[in-house]
């Protein structure tokens, strides 16, 4: 889910500055009926078509703390990928030392849609929720990005 953009199932993430949190929102009127009409009928029958209640969210401070414990100092590698027959090969061409992960930068990346929320539960098994960063935006989260 890209903040500010509705999925074809009517979900979006909203950056709520007044509550200091990232919220998940649902609007049934934006569901693609051609692709998800049967799903929407099931939702209507089971829980109704209103906004999510309670509304799921992550507090900015919780997001920053969790991400900061993993991302405060990071080495980022850029690789070229190719396949030969059924084998995949990687050639690592650049490495960057990223330092100075900042809360404000994370929130801005959410607002710009550079960080997306991925609810990985489509196959009948819940693989957890992930926050995915657009590859070209990794430097924007840090004070410094130094090639090593």
C-alpha atoms as a PDB file:
ATOM      1  CA  UNK A   1       0.000   0.000   0.000  1.00  0.00           C
ATOM      2  CA  UNK A   2       1.455   3.301  -1.070  1.00  0.00           C
ATOM      3  CA  UNK A   3       0.479   6.161   1.255  1.00  0.00           C
ATOM      4  CA  UNK A   4      -2.142   8.371  -0.359  1.00  0.00           C
ATOM      5  CA  UNK A   5      -2.881   5.907  -3.190  1.00  0.00           C
ATOM      6  CA  UNK A   6      -5.818   3.496  -3.002  1.00  0.00           C
ATOM      7  CA  UNK A   7      -5.309  -0.138  -3.947  1.00  0.00           C
ATOM      8  CA  UNK A   8      -7.849  -1.873  -6.183  1.00  0.00           C
ATOM      9  CA  UNK A   9      -9.310  -3.249  -2.941  1.00  0.00           C
ATOM     10  CA  UNK A  10      -9.889   0.209  -1.472  1.00  0.00           C
ATOM     11  CA  UNK A  11      -7.021   0.384   1.024  1.00  0.00           C
ATOM     12  CA  UNK A  12      -4.503   3.154   1.551  1.00  0.00           C
ATOM     13  CA  UNK A  13      -2.072   4.329   4.191  1.00  0.00           C
ATOM     14  CA  UNK A  14      -2.545   7.834   5.587  1.00  0.00           C
ATOM     15  CA  UNK A  15       0.151   9.931   7.248  1.00  0.00           C
ATOM     16  CA  UNK A  16      -1.644  11.565  10.185  1.00  0.00           C
ATOM     17  CA  UNK A  17       0.557  14.314  11.638  1.00  0.00           C
ATOM     18  CA  UNK A  18      -1.967  15.414  14.258  1.00  0.00           C
ATOM     19  CA  UNK A  19      -1.942  11.910  15.803  1.00  0.00           C
ATOM     20  CA  UNK A  20       1.746  11.165  14.937  1.00  0.00           C
ATOM     21  CA  UNK A  21       0.907   7.922  13.176  1.00  0.00           C
ATOM     22  CA  UNK A  22       0.551   6.026   9.919  1.00  0.00           C
ATOM     23  CA  UNK A  23      -3.012   4.738   9.542  1.00  0.00           C
ATOM     24  CA  UNK A  24      -4.553   2.101   7.290  1.00  0.00           C
ATOM     25  CA  UNK A  25      -7.831   3.212   5.739  1.00  0.00           C
ATOM     26  CA  UNK A  26     -10.540   1.471   3.694  1.00  0.00           C
ATOM     27  CA  UNK A  27     -13.039   3.042   1.280  1.00  0.00           C
ATOM     28  CA  UNK A  28     -15.391   0.549  -0.376  1.00  0.00           C
ATOM     29  CA  UNK A  29     -16.366   3.026  -3.104  1.00  0.00           C
ATOM     30  CA  UNK A  30     -12.869   2.792  -4.601  1.00  0.00           C
ATOM     31  CA  UNK A  31     -12.804  -1.011  -4.949  1.00  0.00           C
ATOM     32  CA  UNK A  32     -12.329  -2.267  -8.521  1.00  0.00           C
ATOM     33  CA  UNK A  33     -15.592  -4.220  -8.915  1.00  0.00           C
ATOM     34  CA  UNK A  34     -14.409  -5.972 -12.062  1.00  0.00           C
ATOM     35  CA  UNK A  35     -11.430  -7.526 -10.247  1.00  0.00           C
ATOM     36  CA  UNK A  36     -12.711  -7.629  -6.661  1.00  0.00           C
ATOM     37  CA  UNK A  37     -16.514  -7.561  -6.767  1.00  0.00           C
ATOM     38  CA  UNK A  38     -16.960 -11.002  -5.182  1.00  0.00           C
ATOM     39  CA  UNK A  39     -14.417 -10.138  -2.487  1.00  0.00           C
ATOM     40  CA  UNK A  40     -16.261  -6.889  -1.705  1.00  0.00           C
ATOM     41  CA  UNK A  41     -19.585  -8.755  -1.357  1.00  0.00           C
ATOM     42  CA  UNK A  42     -17.909 -11.117   1.112  1.00  0.00           C
ATOM     43  CA  UNK A  43     -16.535  -8.166   3.094  1.00  0.00           C
ATOM     44  CA  UNK A  44     -19.985  -6.520   3.128  1.00  0.00           C
ATOM     45  CA  UNK A  45     -21.604  -9.718   4.420  1.00  0.00           C
ATOM     46  CA  UNK A  46     -18.976 -10.407   7.074  1.00  0.00           C
ATOM     47  CA  UNK A  47     -18.065  -6.985   8.510  1.00  0.00           C
ATOM     48  CA  UNK A  48     -19.791  -4.224   6.538  1.00  0.00           C
ATOM     49  CA  UNK A  49     -18.403  -1.557   4.253  1.00  0.00           C
ATOM     50  CA  UNK A  50     -17.508   1.237   6.654  1.00  0.00           C
ATOM     51  CA  UNK A  51     -14.089   2.563   7.574  1.00  0.00           C
ATOM     52  CA  UNK A  52     -11.938   0.118   9.529  1.00  0.00           C
ATOM     53  CA  UNK A  53     -12.917   0.134  13.209  1.00  0.00           C
ATOM     54  CA  UNK A  54     -10.696   0.034  15.085  1.00  0.00           C
ATOM     55  CA  UNK A  55      -8.407   1.688  12.571  1.00  0.00           C
ATOM     56  CA  UNK A  56      -5.000  -0.031  12.357  1.00  0.00           C
ATOM     57  CA  UNK A  57      -1.983   2.258  12.730  1.00  0.00           C
ATOM     58  CA  UNK A  58       1.673   2.511  13.636  1.00  0.00           C
ATOM     59  CA  UNK A  59       2.881   5.397  15.775  1.00  0.00           C
ATOM     60  CA  UNK A  60       5.705   7.379  14.150  1.00  0.00           C
ATOM     61  CA  UNK A  61       7.902   6.843  17.194  1.00  0.00           C
ATOM     62  CA  UNK A  62       7.316   3.065  17.122  1.00  0.00           C
ATOM     63  CA  UNK A  63       8.115   2.918  13.394  1.00  0.00           C
ATOM     64  CA  UNK A  64      11.252   4.989  13.837  1.00  0.00           C
ATOM     65  CA  UNK A  65      12.448   2.964  16.822  1.00  0.00           C
ATOM     66  CA  UNK A  66      11.938  -0.385  15.065  1.00  0.00           C
ATOM     67  CA  UNK A  67      13.449   0.785  11.782  1.00  0.00           C
ATOM     68  CA  UNK A  68      16.238   2.669  13.554  1.00  0.00           C
ATOM     69  CA  UNK A  69      17.430  -0.410  15.417  1.00  0.00           C
ATOM     70  CA  UNK A  70      17.975  -2.117  12.059  1.00  0.00           C
ATOM     71  CA  UNK A  71      18.861   0.811   9.814  1.00  0.00           C
ATOM     72  CA  UNK A  72      20.872   3.300  11.868  1.00  0.00           C
ATOM     73  CA  UNK A  73      24.128   2.296  10.180  1.00  0.00           C
ATOM     74  CA  UNK A  74      23.628   0.333   6.993  1.00  0.00           C
ATOM     75  CA  UNK A  75      25.702  -0.870   4.075  1.00  0.00           C
ATOM     76  CA  UNK A  76      23.708  -0.728   0.852  1.00  0.00           C
ATOM     77  CA  UNK A  77      24.866  -2.760  -2.147  1.00  0.00           C
ATOM     78  CA  UNK A  78      23.883  -2.227  -5.772  1.00  0.00           C
ATOM     79  CA  UNK A  79      24.021  -5.304  -7.949  1.00  0.00           C
ATOM     80  CA  UNK A  80      23.432  -6.172 -11.570  1.00  0.00           C
ATOM     81  CA  UNK A  81      21.525  -9.406 -12.100  1.00  0.00           C
ATOM     82  CA  UNK A  82      21.562 -11.824 -14.994  1.00  0.00           C
ATOM     83  CA  UNK A  83      20.362 -15.330 -15.661  1.00  0.00           C
ATOM     84  CA  UNK A  84      22.163 -18.053 -17.496  1.00  0.00           C
ATOM     85  CA  UNK A  85      20.073 -21.132 -18.064  1.00  0.00           C
ATOM     86  CA  UNK A  86      18.366 -21.615 -14.679  1.00  0.00           C
ATOM     87  CA  UNK A  87      21.076 -19.986 -12.586  1.00  0.00           C
ATOM     88  CA  UNK A  88      20.943 -16.386 -11.392  1.00  0.00           C
ATOM     89  CA  UNK A  89      24.186 -14.372 -11.108  1.00  0.00           C
ATOM     90  CA  UNK A  90      24.836 -11.085  -9.293  1.00  0.00           C
ATOM     91  CA  UNK A  91      27.645  -8.614  -9.880  1.00  0.00           C
ATOM     92  CA  UNK A  92      27.965  -6.148  -7.021  1.00  0.00           C
ATOM     93  CA  UNK A  93      29.153  -2.825  -8.414  1.00  0.00           C
ATOM     94  CA  UNK A  94      28.704  -0.224  -5.648  1.00  0.00           C
ATOM     95  CA  UNK A  95      28.555  -0.222  -1.855  1.00  0.00           C
ATOM     96  CA  UNK A  96      27.377   2.695   0.255  1.00  0.00           C
ATOM     97  CA  UNK A  97      27.774   3.317   3.981  1.00  0.00           C
ATOM     98  CA  UNK A  98      24.547   4.996   5.120  1.00  0.00           C
ATOM     99  CA  UNK A  99      24.571   6.882   8.416  1.00  0.00           C
ATOM    100  CA  UNK A 100      22.288   9.215  10.318  1.00  0.00           C
ATOM    101  CA  UNK A 101      18.854   7.618   9.907  1.00  0.00           C
ATOM    102  CA  UNK A 102      16.269  10.285  10.818  1.00  0.00           C
ATOM    103  CA  UNK A 103      12.644  10.114  11.940  1.00  0.00           C
ATOM    104  CA  UNK A 104      11.642  13.155   9.850  1.00  0.00           C
ATOM    105  CA  UNK A 105      13.175  11.589   6.755  1.00  0.00           C
ATOM    106  CA  UNK A 106      11.223   8.368   7.288  1.00  0.00           C
ATOM    107  CA  UNK A 107       7.943  10.284   7.650  1.00  0.00           C
ATOM    108  CA  UNK A 108       8.728  12.330   4.526  1.00  0.00           C
ATOM    109  CA  UNK A 109       9.492   9.126   2.579  1.00  0.00           C
ATOM    110  CA  UNK A 110       6.079   7.775   3.677  1.00  0.00           C
ATOM    111  CA  UNK A 111       4.375  10.988   2.513  1.00  0.00           C
ATOM    112  CA  UNK A 112       6.102  10.822  -0.871  1.00  0.00           C
ATOM    113  CA  UNK A 113       5.161   7.173  -1.364  1.00  0.00           C
ATOM    114  CA  UNK A 114       8.796   6.054  -1.258  1.00  0.00           C
ATOM    115  CA  UNK A 115       7.979   3.661   1.580  1.00  0.00           C
ATOM    116  CA  UNK A 116       5.091   1.248   1.025  1.00  0.00           C
ATOM    117  CA  UNK A 117       3.287  -1.105   3.394  1.00  0.00           C
ATOM    118  CA  UNK A 118       3.131  -4.728   2.214  1.00  0.00           C
ATOM    119  CA  UNK A 119       0.610  -6.994   3.915  1.00  0.00           C
ATOM    120  CA  UNK A 120       2.052 -10.320   2.784  1.00  0.00           C
ATOM    121  CA  UNK A 121      -0.920 -12.601   3.474  1.00  0.00           C
ATOM    122  CA  UNK A 122      -2.422 -13.342   0.067  1.00  0.00           C
ATOM    123  CA  UNK A 123      -1.524 -17.007  -0.259  1.00  0.00           C
ATOM    124  CA  UNK A 124      -3.547 -18.255   2.704  1.00  0.00           C
ATOM    125  CA  UNK A 125      -0.489 -17.975   4.950  1.00  0.00           C
ATOM    126  CA  UNK A 126       0.495 -14.760   6.712  1.00  0.00           C
ATOM    127  CA  UNK A 127       4.125 -13.887   5.953  1.00  0.00           C
ATOM    128  CA  UNK A 128       3.951 -10.719   8.030  1.00  0.00           C
ATOM    129  CA  UNK A 129       3.796  -7.022   7.306  1.00  0.00           C
ATOM    130  CA  UNK A 130       6.744  -5.375   5.617  1.00  0.00           C
ATOM    131  CA  UNK A 131       7.725  -1.809   4.885  1.00  0.00           C
ATOM    132  CA  UNK A 132       9.361  -1.586   1.461  1.00  0.00           C
ATOM    133  CA  UNK A 133      11.561   1.285   0.346  1.00  0.00           C
ATOM    134  CA  UNK A 134      11.798   2.262  -3.317  1.00  0.00           C
ATOM    135  CA  UNK A 135      15.331   1.456  -4.393  1.00  0.00           C
ATOM    136  CA  UNK A 136      16.077   4.915  -5.738  1.00  0.00           C
ATOM    137  CA  UNK A 137      15.041   6.537  -2.423  1.00  0.00           C
ATOM    138  CA  UNK A 138      17.328   4.801   0.071  1.00  0.00           C
ATOM    139  CA  UNK A 139      19.699   7.776   0.395  1.00  0.00           C
ATOM    140  CA  UNK A 140      16.837  10.105   1.329  1.00  0.00           C
ATOM    141  CA  UNK A 141      16.510   8.459   4.764  1.00  0.00           C
ATOM    142  CA  UNK A 142      20.072   9.281   5.832  1.00  0.00           C
ATOM    143  CA  UNK A 143      22.273  12.276   6.572  1.00  0.00           C
ATOM    144  CA  UNK A 144      25.187  10.748   4.694  1.00  0.00           C
ATOM    145  CA  UNK A 145      25.624   8.138   1.977  1.00  0.00           C
ATOM    146  CA  UNK A 146      29.310   7.479   1.369  1.00  0.00           C
ATOM    147  CA  UNK A 147      30.509   5.102  -1.340  1.00  0.00           C
ATOM    148  CA  UNK A 148      32.997   2.561   0.018  1.00  0.00           C
END
